[in-house]
């Protein structure tokens, strides 16, 4: 079964327009899509363009860590609308490049839910979900611009709060059309993955795995977005540890003697 291509054609046409192309992703080379933070609950959603490509993000995290605050007037507007409601969060990047559906042509980078199987979505749902997410980002760009906090105001990394029931509400889009859970509760650490369609067969599962580093983890504490990788000890550290254990064993044997 061949996967639908009409939606992607429309998406690329929208992405080609220079008007509101602030959250970049569609048609860009692999690694150049921008990561976007999304917080949402039953009342509203908050979107923040992190202003960093997936490649640059990985380079920064591997060199140390990544940390960005969401605090500001737009996030305060989100909190005012959602007081007392449990909020979940995601970090996502939609990167549909070509019209085909071979590996590397339709791409997703970002978090996954702790209970979500890494490759647990088929090509049809995945492709539709990535296209929908990319189109949604265009809607958010447009809304922020119309409100005077977008590209016309010289703001490149937009933030926007969308109310439930409006086209600017992120719920559903952030989870790739509810086909792949990218969300976690505030304070819950999340793995980050890279996924791509595997073939033109709609029933085949996607391919992919860890996003760059298997130990990469992201978190959101309600104010700050953070990401880091686990430190791997140098070979010399293991040698010192082994030497220390041997010394302890030697001393213990002498005492027994």
Foldseek 3Di string as FASTA:
>chain_A
DFADQPLLVVLVVVCVDPPQCQQPAEQDAPQAGWKKKWKDFQWKIKIWGPPHTLNRQVVVQAVPKDKDWPDDDQVVVVCVRQPPTFMKMWIKTWHQHDSFAAFRRTKIKIWAEPPWDQQQFFSRLQRQLSSLLSVLVSVQSVVCVVVVNHVVVVHRTDMHMGTPPDSNGCPCSRQSNVRGGRIDTAPDKTFMWMWGHHHRPRGHIIDTGGSPDRQWIWHHNPTMTMIHGDDDDDPVVVVVVVVVVVVVVVVVVVVVD
